[in-house]
Amino acid sequence: MSMTKLFPWRKENYNYSDGVIGLHEEIDHYYQYILPTPCEHVVRNELVKRIEAMVHNLWPMAVVEIFGSFRTGLLLPNSDIDIVIIGLWEKLPLRTLESELIARRFAESRTMHVLDMAQVPIIKFVDCETKIKVDISFNMQSGVHSAELIKLFKRDYPVLSKLVMVVKQFLQQRGLNEVFSGGISSYSLTIMCVSFLQLHPRKVVAGKANLGVLLLEFFELYGSRFSYTNIQISLENGGSYRRAPLTSISQIFLPDPLNVANNIGRATNRIMAIKQSFRWAFEVLSLSINSTQRNNNSILGQIIHFNKEVVDQRAWLHKTFGHLIVVKPNEDESTSSQPVEPNSLI
């Protein structure tokens, strides 16, 4: 099997360098591969529009907003779409929306999950038409504000997106990226990455930093050096570490930059598994970049991979909805299929 089949981000006929420079090249190519194409972006936008029309049919004065990875642009091919509906209700209409989604054939009942007892009540389902996962909550405007904050951090730290996207994929394939199962949220992970860049001794702000070195240093810090039970991360005033409150029972203390009284890490109770995974990744990558027996094997592929289902789903999406992309007369198809930063189109 070819290298591009095993590791789809690797480019055919590209002579990857050895060591940490080769890792840098792979991370850069991985990022280009993982970004949504124009087709994928349009499909997601059309799905949001369909949901918005349905919501306005039910509640004409309600406001529909997207947040999370689709708004920030930090989404994987199988990431869900986070939607918040803002309106006035005495009781959140979770069951009303559930019934409407099924009646209008947005979702089959077997894919529908209404988490009405969760700290943040939410409806989760898979869209019948596009097979894209959707999470809908009510009146949680903080998610929109958090997404806008992340956009600012992306502007200040050009390497942030590439670092987050690699680590996010790494955690996802290990089942450590969902808060409801004790993992870490994308927002919390991004805060950890921002702190890492803020306090980096070389003040990494330029886009030319070696991504391989940064990834190794990130895994080393949070896999071996960081004391999760004693230290809290602060992004205020350029970033710092502070002593965690003695009364805290959280495994990781991450004050929300938008509301420092809110510990966004409080539900992450599998932090030791996350720490061990980070330490393992550092050891594996260190061995791989120093190996004299590489034989052009993928360094990044030692720690991340894509399930065949994800690759096939992506291909199906393009085959089924490719007609939604209109190619301009002076634009060839190869140009129209290039990755696009999602938040540049929303």
Protein backbone atom coordinates (compact mmCIF):
# COMPACT_ATOMS: atom_id res chain seq x y z
CA MET A 1 0.00 0.00 0.00
CA SER A 2 1.34 3.45 -0.92
CA MET A 3 2.37 5.99 1.69
CA THR A 4 -0.39 8.37 0.58
CA LYS A 5 -3.00 5.67 1.26
CA LEU A 6 -1.67 5.01 4.74
CA PHE A 7 -1.00 8.67 5.50
CA PRO A 8 -3.23 10.73 3.20
CA TRP A 9 -1.63 14.07 4.07
CA ARG A 10 1.68 13.02 2.52
CA LYS A 11 2.27 14.35 -0.99
CA GLU A 12 3.24 12.12 -3.87
CA ASN A 13 6.78 12.59 -5.18
CA TYR A 14 7.68 14.95 -2.33
CA ASN A 15 11.13 14.28 -0.91
CA TYR A 16 10.57 14.63 2.83
CA SER A 17 13.57 15.64 4.91
CA ASP A 18 14.95 13.56 7.73
CA GLY A 19 14.45 14.26 11.42
CA VAL A 20 12.56 17.17 12.90
CA ILE A 21 12.54 19.10 9.61
CA GLY A 22 10.70 16.21 7.97
CA LEU A 23 8.22 16.24 10.86
CA HIS A 24 7.69 19.97 10.29
CA GLU A 25 6.99 19.33 6.60
CA GLU A 26 4.49 16.59 7.42
CA ILE A 27 2.61 18.75 9.93
CA ASP A 28 2.37 21.51 7.33
CA HIS A 29 1.03 19.08 4.72
CA TYR A 30 -1.29 17.47 7.26
CA TYR A 31 -2.82 20.88 7.96
CA GLN A 32 -3.35 21.53 4.24
CA TYR A 33 -5.03 18.12 3.91
CA ILE A 34 -7.26 18.44 6.98
CA LEU A 35 -8.75 21.85 6.22
CA PRO A 36 -12.27 21.71 4.78
CA THR A 37 -12.42 22.00 1.00
CA PRO A 38 -14.88 24.49 -0.54
CA CYS A 39 -17.32 21.61 -1.08
CA GLU A 40 -17.16 20.50 2.56
CA HIS A 41 -17.59 24.06 3.73
CA VAL A 42 -20.60 24.73 1.50
CA VAL A 43 -22.26 21.49 2.65
CA ARG A 44 -21.91 22.53 6.28
CA ASN A 45 -23.17 26.04 5.58
CA GLU A 46 -26.21 24.67 3.73
CA LEU A 47 -26.98 22.37 6.65
CA VAL A 48 -26.86 25.31 9.06
CA LYS A 49 -29.22 27.27 6.78
CA ARG A 50 -31.71 24.38 6.71
CA ILE A 51 -31.68 24.14 10.49
CA GLU A 52 -32.03 27.92 10.82
CA ALA A 53 -35.09 27.91 8.53
CA MET A 54 -36.69 25.13 10.60
CA VAL A 55 -35.99 26.99 13.87
CA HIS A 56 -37.49 30.23 12.52
CA ASN A 57 -40.57 28.31 11.44
CA LEU A 58 -41.00 27.20 15.06
CA TRP A 59 -39.81 30.36 16.81
CA PRO A 60 -39.68 33.36 14.43
CA MET A 61 -37.85 35.60 16.91
CA ALA A 62 -35.13 33.08 17.82
CA VAL A 63 -31.51 33.68 16.83
CA VAL A 64 -29.36 30.84 15.47
CA GLU A 65 -25.58 31.04 15.89
CA ILE A 66 -22.75 28.63 15.16
CA PHE A 67 -19.82 28.28 17.52
CA GLY A 68 -17.12 25.73 18.23
CA SER A 69 -14.73 24.36 15.63
CA PHE A 70 -16.80 25.31 12.57
CA ARG A 71 -16.76 28.96 13.62
CA THR A 72 -13.08 28.97 14.59
CA GLY A 73 -11.90 26.91 11.61
CA LEU A 74 -10.28 24.29 13.87
CA LEU A 75 -12.41 21.39 12.67
CA LEU A 76 -11.55 17.85 11.67
CA PRO A 77 -13.39 16.13 8.77
CA ASN A 78 -15.70 14.33 11.20
CA SER A 79 -16.17 17.23 13.63
CA ASP A 80 -19.73 18.07 14.55
CA ILE A 81 -21.40 21.42 13.98
CA ASP A 82 -22.14 23.30 17.20
CA ILE A 83 -25.29 25.42 17.05
CA VAL A 84 -26.90 27.55 19.74
CA ILE A 85 -30.49 28.79 19.57
CA ILE A 86 -31.10 31.98 21.50
CA GLY A 87 -34.62 32.88 22.56
CA LEU A 88 -37.09 33.28 25.42
CA TRP A 89 -38.62 30.14 26.93
CA GLU A 90 -39.81 29.31 30.43
CA LYS A 91 -38.58 25.77 29.83
CA LEU A 92 -36.02 24.84 27.19
CA PRO A 93 -37.93 23.25 24.27
CA LEU A 94 -35.61 20.27 23.81
CA ARG A 95 -38.38 17.76 23.14
CA THR A 96 -40.20 20.11 20.76
CA LEU A 97 -37.06 20.49 18.68
CA GLU A 98 -36.39 16.75 18.83
CA SER A 99 -39.84 15.99 17.41
CA GLU A 100 -39.46 18.60 14.67
CA LEU A 101 -36.05 17.30 13.62
CA ILE A 102 -37.44 13.79 13.24
CA ALA A 103 -40.66 14.94 11.53
CA ARG A 104 -38.75 17.00 8.97
CA ARG A 105 -36.37 14.08 8.34
CA PHE A 106 -33.28 15.87 9.58
CA ALA A 107 -32.44 12.92 11.76
CA GLU A 108 -33.48 9.35 12.40
CA SER A 109 -34.59 8.64 15.94
CA ARG A 110 -31.75 6.12 16.41
CA THR A 111 -29.16 8.90 15.96
CA MET A 112 -30.97 11.33 18.24
CA HIS A 113 -29.74 11.89 21.79
CA VAL A 114 -31.34 14.46 24.07
CA LEU A 115 -29.07 15.18 27.03
CA ASP A 116 -31.63 17.09 29.08
CA MET A 117 -29.97 16.33 32.42
CA ALA A 118 -26.50 17.49 31.41
CA GLN A 119 -24.95 20.63 32.85
CA VAL A 120 -25.52 22.16 29.42
CA PRO A 121 -28.67 20.52 27.95
CA ILE A 122 -28.04 19.55 24.36
CA ILE A 123 -29.51 17.70 21.40
CA LYS A 124 -27.12 15.51 19.40
CA PHE A 125 -27.99 13.94 16.06
CA VAL A 126 -26.63 12.94 12.65
CA ASP A 127 -28.10 14.78 9.65
CA CYS A 128 -29.76 12.28 7.32
CA GLU A 129 -28.79 14.09 4.14
CA THR A 130 -25.10 14.86 4.75
CA LYS A 131 -24.23 12.38 7.55
CA ILE A 132 -22.73 15.28 9.51
CA LYS A 133 -23.04 15.30 13.31
CA VAL A 134 -24.82 18.27 14.89
CA ASP A 135 -25.02 19.49 18.50
CA ILE A 136 -27.73 22.03 19.37
CA SER A 137 -27.96 23.90 22.66
CA PHE A 138 -30.07 26.80 23.88
CA ASN A 139 -29.10 30.26 25.18
CA MET A 140 -25.40 29.43 25.69
CA GLN A 141 -23.94 32.61 24.23
CA SER A 142 -20.60 32.01 25.91
CA GLY A 143 -19.70 29.54 23.15
CA VAL A 144 -19.97 32.27 20.52
CA HIS A 145 -17.76 34.60 22.56
CA SER A 146 -15.20 31.82 23.10
CA ALA A 147 -15.02 31.16 19.36
CA GLU A 148 -14.33 34.84 18.66
CA LEU A 149 -11.58 34.82 21.29
CA ILE A 150 -9.93 31.83 19.60
CA LYS A 151 -9.97 33.71 16.30
CA LEU A 152 -7.97 36.49 17.98
CA PHE A 153 -5.45 33.97 19.30
CA LYS A 154 -5.12 32.49 15.81
CA ARG A 155 -4.26 35.94 14.50
CA ASP A 156 -1.67 36.53 17.24
CA TYR A 157 -0.07 33.08 16.93
CA PRO A 158 0.08 31.90 13.28
CA VAL A 159 1.29 28.42 14.34
CA LEU A 160 -1.61 27.87 16.74
CA SER A 161 -4.01 26.30 14.24
CA LYS A 162 -1.52 23.70 13.03
CA LEU A 163 -0.52 22.71 16.56
CA VAL A 164 -4.12 22.42 17.74
CA MET A 165 -5.23 20.39 14.72
CA VAL A 166 -2.52 17.75 15.17
CA VAL A 167 -3.12 17.34 18.91
CA LYS A 168 -6.88 17.35 18.39
CA GLN A 169 -6.66 14.46 15.93
CA PHE A 170 -4.28 12.66 18.31
CA LEU A 171 -6.79 12.94 21.18
CA GLN A 172 -9.82 12.12 19.05
CA GLN A 173 -8.49 8.77 17.88
CA ARG A 174 -7.91 7.84 21.53
CA GLY A 175 -11.38 8.87 22.69
CA LEU A 176 -9.98 11.65 24.88
CA ASN A 177 -11.59 14.65 23.17
CA GLU A 178 -15.13 14.54 24.57
CA VAL A 179 -15.93 16.24 27.87
CA PHE A 180 -18.99 14.08 28.55
CA SER A 181 -16.67 11.04 28.72
CA GLY A 182 -14.02 12.75 30.83
CA GLY A 183 -11.85 13.97 27.98
CA ILE A 184 -10.77 17.50 27.15
CA SER A 185 -12.75 19.96 25.08
CA SER A 186 -11.40 21.67 21.99
CA TYR A 187 -11.65 25.00 23.81
CA SER A 188 -9.61 23.73 26.78
CA LEU A 189 -7.01 22.21 24.46
CA THR A 190 -6.71 25.49 22.58
CA ILE A 191 -6.19 27.37 25.86
CA MET A 192 -3.38 24.93 26.74
CA CYS A 193 -1.78 25.50 23.34
CA VAL A 194 -2.05 29.29 23.67
CA SER A 195 -0.44 29.16 27.11
CA PHE A 196 2.35 26.99 25.72
CA LEU A 197 3.04 29.57 22.99
CA GLN A 198 2.71 32.55 25.34
CA LEU A 199 5.31 31.18 27.75
CA HIS A 200 7.61 29.68 25.14
CA PRO A 201 11.19 30.88 25.78
CA ARG A 202 11.65 31.76 22.11
CA LYS A 203 8.42 33.82 22.01
CA VAL A 204 6.92 31.93 19.09
CA VAL A 205 4.81 34.41 17.16
CA ALA A 206 6.15 34.08 13.62
CA GLY A 207 4.69 31.60 11.16
CA LYS A 208 8.16 30.27 10.31
CA ALA A 209 8.73 28.38 13.56
CA ASN A 210 9.60 24.68 13.23
CA LEU A 211 6.30 22.87 13.81
CA GLY A 212 8.07 19.59 14.58
CA VAL A 213 10.04 21.15 17.42
CA LEU A 214 6.92 22.84 18.80
CA LEU A 215 4.92 19.61 18.75
CA LEU A 216 7.67 17.75 20.58
CA GLU A 217 7.97 20.50 23.17
CA PHE A 218 4.19 20.58 23.67
CA PHE A 219 4.06 16.83 24.31
CA GLU A 220 7.07 17.03 26.61
CA LEU A 221 5.59 19.89 28.67
CA TYR A 222 2.10 18.45 29.15
CA GLY A 223 3.26 14.82 29.19
CA SER A 224 6.07 15.08 31.73
CA ARG A 225 6.77 18.51 33.15
CA PHE A 226 3.43 20.13 33.93
CA SER A 227 1.98 19.60 37.41
CA TYR A 228 -1.74 19.32 36.76
CA THR A 229 -2.86 19.13 40.39
CA ASN A 230 -0.86 22.11 41.64
CA ILE A 231 -0.85 24.67 38.84
CA GLN A 232 -3.49 26.60 36.96
CA ILE A 233 -3.00 28.17 33.55
CA SER A 234 -3.66 31.88 33.13
CA LEU A 235 -3.65 33.73 29.82
CA GLU A 236 -3.92 37.15 31.46
CA ASN A 237 -1.21 39.75 30.89
CA GLY A 238 0.78 37.64 28.47
CA GLY A 239 0.35 34.35 30.31
CA SER A 240 1.54 32.81 33.56
CA TYR A 241 1.29 29.79 35.83
CA ARG A 242 -0.38 30.20 39.19
CA ARG A 243 -0.96 27.95 42.15
CA ALA A 244 -4.24 26.11 41.84
CA PRO A 245 -6.80 26.78 44.59
CA LEU A 246 -6.41 24.40 47.52
CA THR A 247 -10.16 23.85 47.46
CA SER A 248 -10.13 22.70 43.83
CA ILE A 249 -11.02 19.06 43.25
CA SER A 250 -10.45 19.28 39.50
CA GLN A 251 -7.74 17.21 37.84
CA ILE A 252 -6.89 20.26 35.73
CA PHE A 253 -7.63 23.88 36.56
CA LEU A 254 -8.20 26.03 33.46
CA PRO A 255 -9.84 29.40 34.17
CA ASP A 256 -11.87 30.61 31.19
CA PRO A 257 -10.15 33.77 29.87
CA LEU A 258 -13.62 35.28 29.40
CA ASN A 259 -14.73 34.42 32.94
CA VAL A 260 -11.89 33.41 35.27
CA ALA A 261 -14.38 32.14 37.85
CA ASN A 262 -15.34 29.38 35.42
CA ASN A 263 -12.98 26.41 35.43
CA ILE A 264 -13.45 24.94 31.95
CA GLY A 265 -11.39 21.88 32.93
CA ARG A 266 -13.61 20.82 35.81
CA ALA A 267 -15.27 17.93 33.92
CA THR A 268 -12.02 16.57 32.47
CA ASN A 269 -11.47 13.66 34.85
CA ARG A 270 -9.25 11.57 32.55
CA ILE A 271 -6.33 13.98 32.67
CA MET A 272 -3.89 11.25 33.71
CA ALA A 273 -4.75 9.25 30.59
CA ILE A 274 -4.24 12.41 28.52
CA LYS A 275 -0.91 13.07 30.24
CA GLN A 276 0.28 9.51 29.63
CA SER A 277 -0.72 9.76 25.96
CA PHE A 278 1.24 12.99 25.58
CA ARG A 279 4.30 11.43 27.20
CA TRP A 280 4.03 8.40 24.92
CA ALA A 281 3.77 10.65 21.85
CA PHE A 282 6.90 12.57 22.88
CA GLU A 283 8.87 9.36 23.32
CA VAL A 284 7.68 7.85 20.02
CA LEU A 285 8.35 11.00 18.00
CA SER A 286 11.77 11.47 19.63
CA LEU A 287 12.77 7.94 18.67
CA SER A 288 11.41 8.32 15.14
CA ILE A 289 13.18 11.59 14.31
CA ASN A 290 16.48 10.20 15.59
CA SER A 291 16.16 6.85 13.84
CA THR A 292 18.71 5.99 11.16
CA GLN A 293 16.36 3.32 9.74
CA ARG A 294 13.50 5.55 8.55
CA ASN A 295 13.31 4.29 4.97
CA ASN A 296 11.05 7.27 4.21
CA ASN A 297 8.46 6.18 6.76
CA SER A 298 6.06 8.81 8.05
CA ILE A 299 7.18 10.38 11.32
CA LEU A 300 3.84 12.02 12.03
CA GLY A 301 2.13 8.75 11.11
CA GLN A 302 3.70 7.17 14.20
CA ILE A 303 1.15 8.98 16.39
CA ILE A 304 -1.85 9.88 14.21
CA HIS A 305 -3.90 8.18 11.54
CA PHE A 306 -7.27 8.39 9.82
CA ASN A 307 -9.86 5.65 9.92
CA LYS A 308 -10.90 4.37 6.51
CA GLU A 309 -14.47 5.38 7.37
CA VAL A 310 -13.44 9.02 7.73
CA VAL A 311 -11.56 9.04 4.42
CA ASP A 312 -14.46 7.26 2.66
CA GLN A 313 -17.04 9.63 4.18
CA ARG A 314 -15.05 12.60 2.93
CA ALA A 315 -14.87 11.12 -0.59
CA TRP A 316 -18.62 10.39 -0.52
CA LEU A 317 -19.37 13.96 0.50
CA HIS A 318 -17.42 15.31 -2.48
CA LYS A 319 -19.02 12.87 -4.90
CA THR A 320 -22.53 13.59 -3.67
CA PHE A 321 -22.36 17.36 -3.20
CA GLY A 322 -19.58 18.44 -5.54
CA HIS A 323 -22.16 20.05 -7.80
CA LEU A 324 -22.70 22.75 -5.16
CA ILE A 325 -19.34 24.27 -6.05
CA VAL A 326 -19.62 26.64 -8.98
CA VAL A 327 -16.38 26.96 -10.94
CA LYS A 328 -15.87 30.42 -12.42
CA PRO A 329 -14.81 30.66 -16.10
CA ASN A 330 -11.28 31.76 -15.20
CA GLU A 331 -10.92 29.19 -12.46
CA ASP A 332 -10.07 25.55 -13.13
CA GLU A 333 -11.34 22.66 -11.03
CA SER A 334 -7.99 22.04 -9.38
CA THR A 335 -8.08 25.54 -7.90
CA SER A 336 -11.68 25.20 -6.72
CA SER A 337 -10.90 22.05 -4.76
CA GLN A 338 -8.14 23.57 -2.65
CA PRO A 339 -8.64 23.76 1.13
CA VAL A 340 -10.26 26.92 2.43
CA GLU A 341 -10.11 28.41 5.92
CA PRO A 342 -13.70 27.86 7.09
CA ASN A 343 -14.04 31.07 9.09
CA SER A 344 -13.02 33.09 6.05
CA LEU A 345 -16.32 32.18 4.39
CA ILE A 346 -18.80 32.19 7.25
